[in-house]
């Protein structure tokens, strides 16, 4: 079982069952979003929390510049 709530994820059960659930989640996500969005999710999942925070800050700064704020 995979349970996600408030940024916390819990895994319970046999490894093969948990992995099967993860595959199901990823397949469903891939069907629900664009290919580019899916690739972004996979890329971000491979990064540390600090790297993700840094990229988010860079994106905010870029948006401010583009919007003239």
Protein backbone atom coordinates (compact mmCIF):
# COMPACT_ATOMS: atom_id res chain seq x y z
CA UNK A 1 0.00 0.00 0.00
CA UNK A 2 1.15 3.53 -0.77
CA UNK A 3 -0.41 6.31 1.24
CA UNK A 4 0.42 9.98 0.70
CA UNK A 5 -0.92 12.73 2.93
CA UNK A 6 0.33 16.24 3.69
CA UNK A 7 3.67 15.65 1.99
CA UNK A 8 4.34 12.40 3.86
CA UNK A 9 4.39 9.04 2.11
CA UNK A 10 3.96 5.66 3.80
CA UNK A 11 4.77 2.32 2.18
CA UNK A 12 3.32 -0.89 3.64
CA UNK A 13 3.32 -4.41 2.32
CA UNK A 14 5.36 -6.65 0.11
CA UNK A 15 7.88 -4.79 -2.04
CA UNK A 16 6.47 -6.18 -5.31
CA UNK A 17 2.96 -5.00 -4.38
CA UNK A 18 4.17 -1.52 -3.48
CA UNK A 19 6.10 -1.30 -6.75
CA UNK A 20 3.03 -2.44 -8.69
CA UNK A 21 1.00 0.34 -7.06
CA UNK A 22 3.72 2.87 -7.91
CA UNK A 23 3.64 1.79 -11.56
CA UNK A 24 -0.15 2.16 -11.59
CA UNK A 25 0.11 5.69 -10.16
CA UNK A 26 2.73 6.69 -12.74
CA UNK A 27 0.76 5.23 -15.65
CA UNK A 28 -2.37 7.06 -14.52
CA UNK A 29 -0.43 10.30 -14.13
CA UNK A 30 1.06 9.88 -17.60
CA UNK A 31 -2.44 9.56 -19.05
CA UNK A 32 -3.72 12.59 -17.12
CA UNK A 33 -1.02 15.16 -17.97
CA UNK A 34 1.00 16.16 -21.01
CA UNK A 35 4.20 14.32 -21.88
CA UNK A 36 6.25 17.37 -20.90
CA UNK A 37 4.53 17.65 -17.50
CA UNK A 38 5.09 13.94 -16.89
CA UNK A 39 8.79 14.27 -17.72
CA UNK A 40 9.05 17.21 -15.31
CA UNK A 41 7.53 15.11 -12.51
CA UNK A 42 9.97 12.26 -13.15
CA UNK A 43 12.92 14.67 -13.34
CA UNK A 44 11.93 16.38 -10.09
CA UNK A 45 11.41 13.06 -8.32
CA UNK A 46 15.07 12.27 -9.00
CA UNK A 47 16.26 15.43 -7.25
CA UNK A 48 16.82 16.21 -3.60
CA UNK A 49 14.44 18.51 -1.71
CA UNK A 50 17.11 21.21 -1.71
CA UNK A 51 17.57 21.01 -5.49
CA UNK A 52 13.80 21.26 -6.02
CA UNK A 53 13.59 24.30 -3.71
CA UNK A 54 16.47 25.97 -5.56
CA UNK A 55 14.81 25.38 -8.93
CA UNK A 56 11.49 26.72 -7.63
CA UNK A 57 13.20 29.88 -6.41
CA UNK A 58 14.95 30.33 -9.76
CA UNK A 59 11.60 29.91 -11.55
CA UNK A 60 9.98 32.52 -9.28
CA UNK A 61 12.75 35.01 -10.01
CA UNK A 62 12.47 34.38 -13.75
CA UNK A 63 8.71 34.96 -13.62
CA UNK A 64 9.19 38.21 -11.71
CA UNK A 65 11.62 39.44 -14.37
CA UNK A 66 9.32 38.39 -17.21
CA UNK A 67 6.35 40.11 -15.59
CA UNK A 68 8.37 43.21 -14.74
CA UNK A 69 7.85 42.92 -10.99
